[in-house]
Amino acid sequence: MPEKIQSQDEVKQNIIKKAANYTEANVYSLNNTYLNSAEKQEVELWFQLPGNIMFYTFIIVAIYSIYNPLAWSKIISTPIVVNIIIGILNWYYYNKKLTYNLYLTILHGWVLYLVGIGSAIFLFFQGAIILGIISLVYPFGLLSFAELHMIVYSILSKKYGMHPKFAFFKKEYGYKFPFEET
């Protein structure tokens, strides 16, 4: 059977559709129409979990370093390693109930601010000014560049061909997004 030959217009339309689907799949926005409000909240909690655990790890290491001096490399690398490990565990072993319970308690936004400010005050009084500044600005998202779980999520989501937040819903719930159609 002979193959149907596409016209130039059909080829252009096909290319435009594939480009649009690729863009939709790889650009996540909170105002996307693919997820409802509860799903958007869930994906944000999932995505931010490793960074928030990293924050607590930093606080613990910073306070520990007041009593048992640590090299700066350990103070910085320990939270980063924890961030990567929690990111991988969160990708493969996501637990919705645990995540929600953490965010209702120790990972709640206000708790993070209070812990950050409280530990900053403690660290300032102990003379650890730089650690205090880091503790103070971290809850405001100003150090998110150090959260390497985002790179891990990007790498792990490549097999789905979409943004990690969309890939999360595809992996966890079997979603089929409209932009997956070619």
C-alpha atoms as a PDB file:
ATOM      1  CA  MET A   1       0.000   0.000   0.000  1.00  0.00           C
ATOM      2  CA  PRO A   2       1.455   3.367  -0.917  1.00  0.00           C
ATOM      3  CA  GLU A   3       2.094   5.835   1.910  1.00  0.00           C
ATOM      4  CA  LYS A   4       0.025   8.984   1.948  1.00  0.00           C
ATOM      5  CA  ILE A   5       2.188  11.952   1.031  1.00  0.00           C
ATOM      6  CA  GLN A   6       1.663  14.962   3.260  1.00  0.00           C
ATOM      7  CA  SER A   7       1.319  18.420   1.815  1.00  0.00           C
ATOM      8  CA  GLN A   8       3.593  21.226   3.002  1.00  0.00           C
ATOM      9  CA  ASP A   9       0.734  22.681   5.045  1.00  0.00           C
ATOM     10  CA  GLU A  10       0.141  19.344   6.762  1.00  0.00           C
ATOM     11  CA  VAL A  11       3.857  19.022   7.540  1.00  0.00           C
ATOM     12  CA  LYS A  12       3.918  22.579   8.969  1.00  0.00           C
ATOM     13  CA  GLN A  13       0.811  21.943  11.070  1.00  0.00           C
ATOM     14  CA  ASN A  14       2.338  18.709  12.379  1.00  0.00           C
ATOM     15  CA  ILE A  15       5.572  20.505  13.322  1.00  0.00           C
ATOM     16  CA  ILE A  16       3.635  23.310  15.028  1.00  0.00           C
ATOM     17  CA  LYS A  17       1.535  20.806  16.982  1.00  0.00           C
ATOM     18  CA  LYS A  18       4.614  18.860  18.105  1.00  0.00           C
ATOM     19  CA  ALA A  19       6.369  22.070  19.153  1.00  0.00           C
ATOM     20  CA  ALA A  20       3.309  23.252  21.082  1.00  0.00           C
ATOM     21  CA  ASN A  21       2.995  19.872  22.837  1.00  0.00           C
ATOM     22  CA  TYR A  22       6.702  19.901  23.709  1.00  0.00           C
ATOM     23  CA  THR A  23       6.384  23.391  25.169  1.00  0.00           C
ATOM     24  CA  GLU A  24       3.262  22.508  27.165  1.00  0.00           C
ATOM     25  CA  ALA A  25       4.951  19.387  28.527  1.00  0.00           C
ATOM     26  CA  ASN A  26       8.127  21.148  29.610  1.00  0.00           C
ATOM     27  CA  VAL A  27       6.829  24.415  31.055  1.00  0.00           C
ATOM     28  CA  TYR A  28       4.953  24.045  34.326  1.00  0.00           C
ATOM     29  CA  SER A  29       2.827  26.904  35.561  1.00  0.00           C
ATOM     30  CA  LEU A  30       0.609  27.139  38.630  1.00  0.00           C
ATOM     31  CA  ASN A  31      -2.202  28.333  36.380  1.00  0.00           C
ATOM     32  CA  ASN A  32      -2.017  25.242  34.140  1.00  0.00           C
ATOM     33  CA  THR A  33      -5.362  23.773  33.191  1.00  0.00           C
ATOM     34  CA  TYR A  34      -4.284  20.145  33.498  1.00  0.00           C
ATOM     35  CA  LEU A  35      -4.369  19.886  37.294  1.00  0.00           C
ATOM     36  CA  ASN A  36      -7.017  21.027  39.743  1.00  0.00           C
ATOM     37  CA  SER A  37      -6.229  23.074  42.889  1.00  0.00           C
ATOM     38  CA  ALA A  38      -5.758  20.053  45.156  1.00  0.00           C
ATOM     39  CA  GLU A  39      -3.427  18.399  42.637  1.00  0.00           C
ATOM     40  CA  LYS A  40      -1.401  21.605  42.255  1.00  0.00           C
ATOM     41  CA  GLN A  41      -1.051  21.782  46.025  1.00  0.00           C
ATOM     42  CA  GLU A  42       0.029  18.150  46.216  1.00  0.00           C
ATOM     43  CA  VAL A  43       2.666  18.554  43.527  1.00  0.00           C
ATOM     44  CA  GLU A  44       4.064  21.661  45.236  1.00  0.00           C
ATOM     45  CA  LEU A  45       4.313  19.877  48.600  1.00  0.00           C
ATOM     46  CA  TRP A  46       5.999  16.911  46.908  1.00  0.00           C
ATOM     47  CA  PHE A  47       8.409  19.141  44.996  1.00  0.00           C
ATOM     48  CA  GLN A  48       9.409  21.268  47.986  1.00  0.00           C
ATOM     49  CA  LEU A  49       9.774  18.447  50.524  1.00  0.00           C
ATOM     50  CA  PRO A  50      13.517  17.779  49.958  1.00  0.00           C
ATOM     51  CA  GLY A  51      14.306  21.496  50.206  1.00  0.00           C
ATOM     52  CA  ASN A  52      12.440  21.863  53.474  1.00  0.00           C
ATOM     53  CA  ILE A  53      14.137  18.796  54.949  1.00  0.00           C
ATOM     54  CA  MET A  54      17.414  20.323  53.768  1.00  0.00           C
ATOM     55  CA  PHE A  55      16.576  23.479  55.737  1.00  0.00           C
ATOM     56  CA  TYR A  56      16.107  21.523  58.973  1.00  0.00           C
ATOM     57  CA  THR A  57      19.311  19.615  58.278  1.00  0.00           C
ATOM     58  CA  PHE A  58      21.163  22.901  57.848  1.00  0.00           C
ATOM     59  CA  ILE A  59      19.758  24.239  61.138  1.00  0.00           C
ATOM     60  CA  ILE A  60      20.813  21.083  62.996  1.00  0.00           C
ATOM     61  CA  VAL A  61      24.304  21.126  61.467  1.00  0.00           C
ATOM     62  CA  ALA A  62      24.704  24.870  62.108  1.00  0.00           C
ATOM     63  CA  ILE A  63      23.740  24.567  65.773  1.00  0.00           C
ATOM     64  CA  TYR A  64      25.867  21.432  66.153  1.00  0.00           C
ATOM     65  CA  SER A  65      28.840  23.350  64.720  1.00  0.00           C
ATOM     66  CA  ILE A  66      28.565  25.890  67.543  1.00  0.00           C
ATOM     67  CA  TYR A  67      29.404  23.190  70.100  1.00  0.00           C
ATOM     68  CA  ASN A  68      31.568  20.951  67.902  1.00  0.00           C
ATOM     69  CA  PRO A  69      33.314  23.043  65.251  1.00  0.00           C
ATOM     70  CA  LEU A  70      32.900  21.716  61.721  1.00  0.00           C
ATOM     71  CA  ALA A  71      34.598  22.666  58.492  1.00  0.00           C
ATOM     72  CA  TRP A  72      32.516  24.880  56.196  1.00  0.00           C
ATOM     73  CA  SER A  73      32.588  22.088  53.631  1.00  0.00           C
ATOM     74  CA  LYS A  74      30.718  19.803  56.057  1.00  0.00           C
ATOM     75  CA  ILE A  75      28.289  22.521  57.092  1.00  0.00           C
ATOM     76  CA  ILE A  76      27.365  23.098  53.443  1.00  0.00           C
ATOM     77  CA  SER A  77      27.695  19.571  52.024  1.00  0.00           C
ATOM     78  CA  THR A  78      25.695  17.713  54.689  1.00  0.00           C
ATOM     79  CA  PRO A  79      22.371  19.474  53.919  1.00  0.00           C
ATOM     80  CA  ILE A  80      23.017  19.164  50.172  1.00  0.00           C
ATOM     81  CA  VAL A  81      23.630  15.416  50.434  1.00  0.00           C
ATOM     82  CA  VAL A  82      20.484  15.036  52.557  1.00  0.00           C
ATOM     83  CA  ASN A  83      18.568  17.056  49.946  1.00  0.00           C
ATOM     84  CA  ILE A  84      19.661  14.708  47.163  1.00  0.00           C
ATOM     85  CA  ILE A  85      18.901  11.569  49.196  1.00  0.00           C
ATOM     86  CA  ILE A  86      15.442  12.830  50.235  1.00  0.00           C
ATOM     87  CA  GLY A  87      14.778  13.865  46.620  1.00  0.00           C
ATOM     88  CA  ILE A  88      15.542  10.374  45.342  1.00  0.00           C
ATOM     89  CA  LEU A  89      13.521   8.721  48.107  1.00  0.00           C
ATOM     90  CA  ASN A  90      10.647  11.131  47.473  1.00  0.00           C
ATOM     91  CA  TRP A  91      10.705  10.312  43.753  1.00  0.00           C
ATOM     92  CA  TYR A  92      10.633   6.543  44.212  1.00  0.00           C
ATOM     93  CA  TYR A  93       8.774   6.158  47.518  1.00  0.00           C
ATOM     94  CA  TYR A  94       6.393   9.128  47.708  1.00  0.00           C
ATOM     95  CA  ASN A  95       3.975   8.868  50.614  1.00  0.00           C
ATOM     96  CA  LYS A  96       1.084  11.307  50.348  1.00  0.00           C
ATOM     97  CA  LYS A  97      -0.117  10.881  53.930  1.00  0.00           C
ATOM     98  CA  LEU A  98       3.361  11.381  55.416  1.00  0.00           C
ATOM     99  CA  THR A  99       3.974  14.427  53.241  1.00  0.00           C
ATOM    100  CA  TYR A 100       0.673  16.051  54.224  1.00  0.00           C
ATOM    101  CA  ASN A 101       1.274  15.326  57.917  1.00  0.00           C
ATOM    102  CA  LEU A 102       4.748  16.869  57.722  1.00  0.00           C
ATOM    103  CA  TYR A 103       3.302  19.997  56.111  1.00  0.00           C
ATOM    104  CA  LEU A 104       0.585  20.212  58.767  1.00  0.00           C
ATOM    105  CA  THR A 105       3.279  20.207  61.452  1.00  0.00           C
ATOM    106  CA  ILE A 106       7.010  20.882  61.171  1.00  0.00           C
ATOM    107  CA  LEU A 107       7.037  21.853  57.477  1.00  0.00           C
ATOM    108  CA  HIS A 108       4.158  24.324  57.687  1.00  0.00           C
ATOM    109  CA  GLY A 109       5.199  27.693  56.259  1.00  0.00           C
ATOM    110  CA  TRP A 110       4.835  29.570  59.537  1.00  0.00           C
ATOM    111  CA  VAL A 111       6.813  26.930  61.405  1.00  0.00           C
ATOM    112  CA  LEU A 112       9.629  27.213  58.849  1.00  0.00           C
ATOM    113  CA  TYR A 113       9.722  30.997  59.306  1.00  0.00           C
ATOM    114  CA  LEU A 114       9.736  30.704  63.103  1.00  0.00           C
ATOM    115  CA  VAL A 115      12.466  28.048  63.072  1.00  0.00           C
ATOM    116  CA  GLY A 116      14.526  30.146  60.667  1.00  0.00           C
ATOM    117  CA  ILE A 117      14.162  33.339  62.680  1.00  0.00           C
ATOM    118  CA  GLY A 118      14.615  31.571  66.023  1.00  0.00           C
ATOM    119  CA  SER A 119      17.726  29.729  64.934  1.00  0.00           C
ATOM    120  CA  ALA A 120      19.089  32.901  63.324  1.00  0.00           C
ATOM    121  CA  ILE A 121      18.714  34.763  66.623  1.00  0.00           C
ATOM    122  CA  PHE A 122      20.423  31.892  68.477  1.00  0.00           C
ATOM    123  CA  LEU A 123      23.252  31.728  65.933  1.00  0.00           C
ATOM    124  CA  PHE A 124      23.734  35.523  65.997  1.00  0.00           C
ATOM    125  CA  PHE A 125      24.051  35.464  69.800  1.00  0.00           C
ATOM    126  CA  GLN A 126      26.563  32.634  69.517  1.00  0.00           C
ATOM    127  CA  GLY A 127      28.675  34.717  67.137  1.00  0.00           C
ATOM    128  CA  ALA A 128      27.917  32.592  64.062  1.00  0.00           C
ATOM    129  CA  ILE A 129      26.805  35.570  61.980  1.00  0.00           C
ATOM    130  CA  ILE A 130      27.046  33.942  58.540  1.00  0.00           C
ATOM    131  CA  LEU A 131      25.168  30.843  59.701  1.00  0.00           C
ATOM    132  CA  GLY A 132      22.566  33.124  61.268  1.00  0.00           C
ATOM    133  CA  ILE A 133      22.108  35.028  58.012  1.00  0.00           C
ATOM    134  CA  ILE A 134      21.709  31.786  56.069  1.00  0.00           C
ATOM    135  CA  SER A 135      19.181  30.551  58.623  1.00  0.00           C
ATOM    136  CA  LEU A 136      17.263  33.807  58.347  1.00  0.00           C
ATOM    137  CA  VAL A 137      17.014  33.963  54.529  1.00  0.00           C
ATOM    138  CA  TYR A 138      16.537  30.249  53.797  1.00  0.00           C
ATOM    139  CA  PRO A 139      12.777  30.059  54.604  1.00  0.00           C
ATOM    140  CA  PHE A 140      12.147  32.837  52.089  1.00  0.00           C
ATOM    141  CA  GLY A 141      13.453  30.670  49.229  1.00  0.00           C
ATOM    142  CA  LEU A 142      16.555  32.761  48.664  1.00  0.00           C
ATOM    143  CA  LEU A 143      18.859  29.756  48.656  1.00  0.00           C
ATOM    144  CA  SER A 144      16.871  27.459  46.391  1.00  0.00           C
ATOM    145  CA  PHE A 145      19.797  27.352  43.957  1.00  0.00           C
ATOM    146  CA  ALA A 146      21.473  24.931  46.419  1.00  0.00           C
ATOM    147  CA  GLU A 147      18.541  22.501  46.324  1.00  0.00           C
ATOM    148  CA  LEU A 148      19.981  19.917  43.968  1.00  0.00           C
ATOM    149  CA  HIS A 149      16.906  17.683  44.168  1.00  0.00           C
ATOM    150  CA  MET A 150      15.491  19.862  41.392  1.00  0.00           C
ATOM    151  CA  ILE A 151      18.273  18.654  39.100  1.00  0.00           C
ATOM    152  CA  VAL A 152      17.688  15.062  40.247  1.00  0.00           C
ATOM    153  CA  TYR A 153      13.955  15.421  39.474  1.00  0.00           C
ATOM    154  CA  SER A 154      14.766  16.839  36.034  1.00  0.00           C
ATOM    155  CA  ILE A 155      17.026  13.903  35.258  1.00  0.00           C
ATOM    156  CA  LEU A 156      14.530  11.324  36.530  1.00  0.00           C
ATOM    157  CA  SER A 157      11.641  12.923  34.619  1.00  0.00           C
ATOM    158  CA  LYS A 158      13.454  12.737  31.256  1.00  0.00           C
ATOM    159  CA  LYS A 159      11.994   9.292  30.587  1.00  0.00           C
ATOM    160  CA  TYR A 160       8.522  10.886  30.727  1.00  0.00           C
ATOM    161  CA  GLY A 161       9.497  13.718  28.384  1.00  0.00           C
ATOM    162  CA  MET A 162       7.880  16.390  30.538  1.00  0.00           C
ATOM    163  CA  HIS A 163       8.425  18.774  33.445  1.00  0.00           C
ATOM    164  CA  PRO A 164       9.093  16.947  36.736  1.00  0.00           C
ATOM    165  CA  LYS A 165       5.835  18.208  38.247  1.00  0.00           C
ATOM    166  CA  PHE A 166       3.798  16.765  35.374  1.00  0.00           C
ATOM    167  CA  ALA A 167       5.952  13.605  35.448  1.00  0.00           C
ATOM    168  CA  PHE A 168       5.099  13.205  39.145  1.00  0.00           C
ATOM    169  CA  PHE A 169       1.385  12.949  38.351  1.00  0.00           C
ATOM    170  CA  LYS A 170       1.987  10.668  35.412  1.00  0.00           C
ATOM    171  CA  LYS A 171       4.183   8.380  37.533  1.00  0.00           C
ATOM    172  CA  GLU A 172       2.051   8.391  40.687  1.00  0.00           C
ATOM    173  CA  TYR A 173      -1.451   8.477  39.212  1.00  0.00           C
ATOM    174  CA  GLY A 174      -1.099   7.376  35.592  1.00  0.00           C
ATOM    175  CA  TYR A 175      -2.241  10.718  34.183  1.00  0.00           C
ATOM    176  CA  LYS A 176      -2.424  11.052  30.427  1.00  0.00           C
ATOM    177  CA  PHE A 177      -1.988  14.709  29.547  1.00  0.00           C
ATOM    178  CA  PRO A 178      -3.380  16.195  26.315  1.00  0.00           C
ATOM    179  CA  PHE A 179       0.093  17.387  25.270  1.00  0.00           C
ATOM    180  CA  GLU A 180       1.251  13.756  25.108  1.00  0.00           C
ATOM    181  CA  GLU A 181      -0.795  13.226  21.958  1.00  0.00           C
ATOM    182  CA  THR A 182       1.153  13.815  18.784  1.00  0.00           C
END
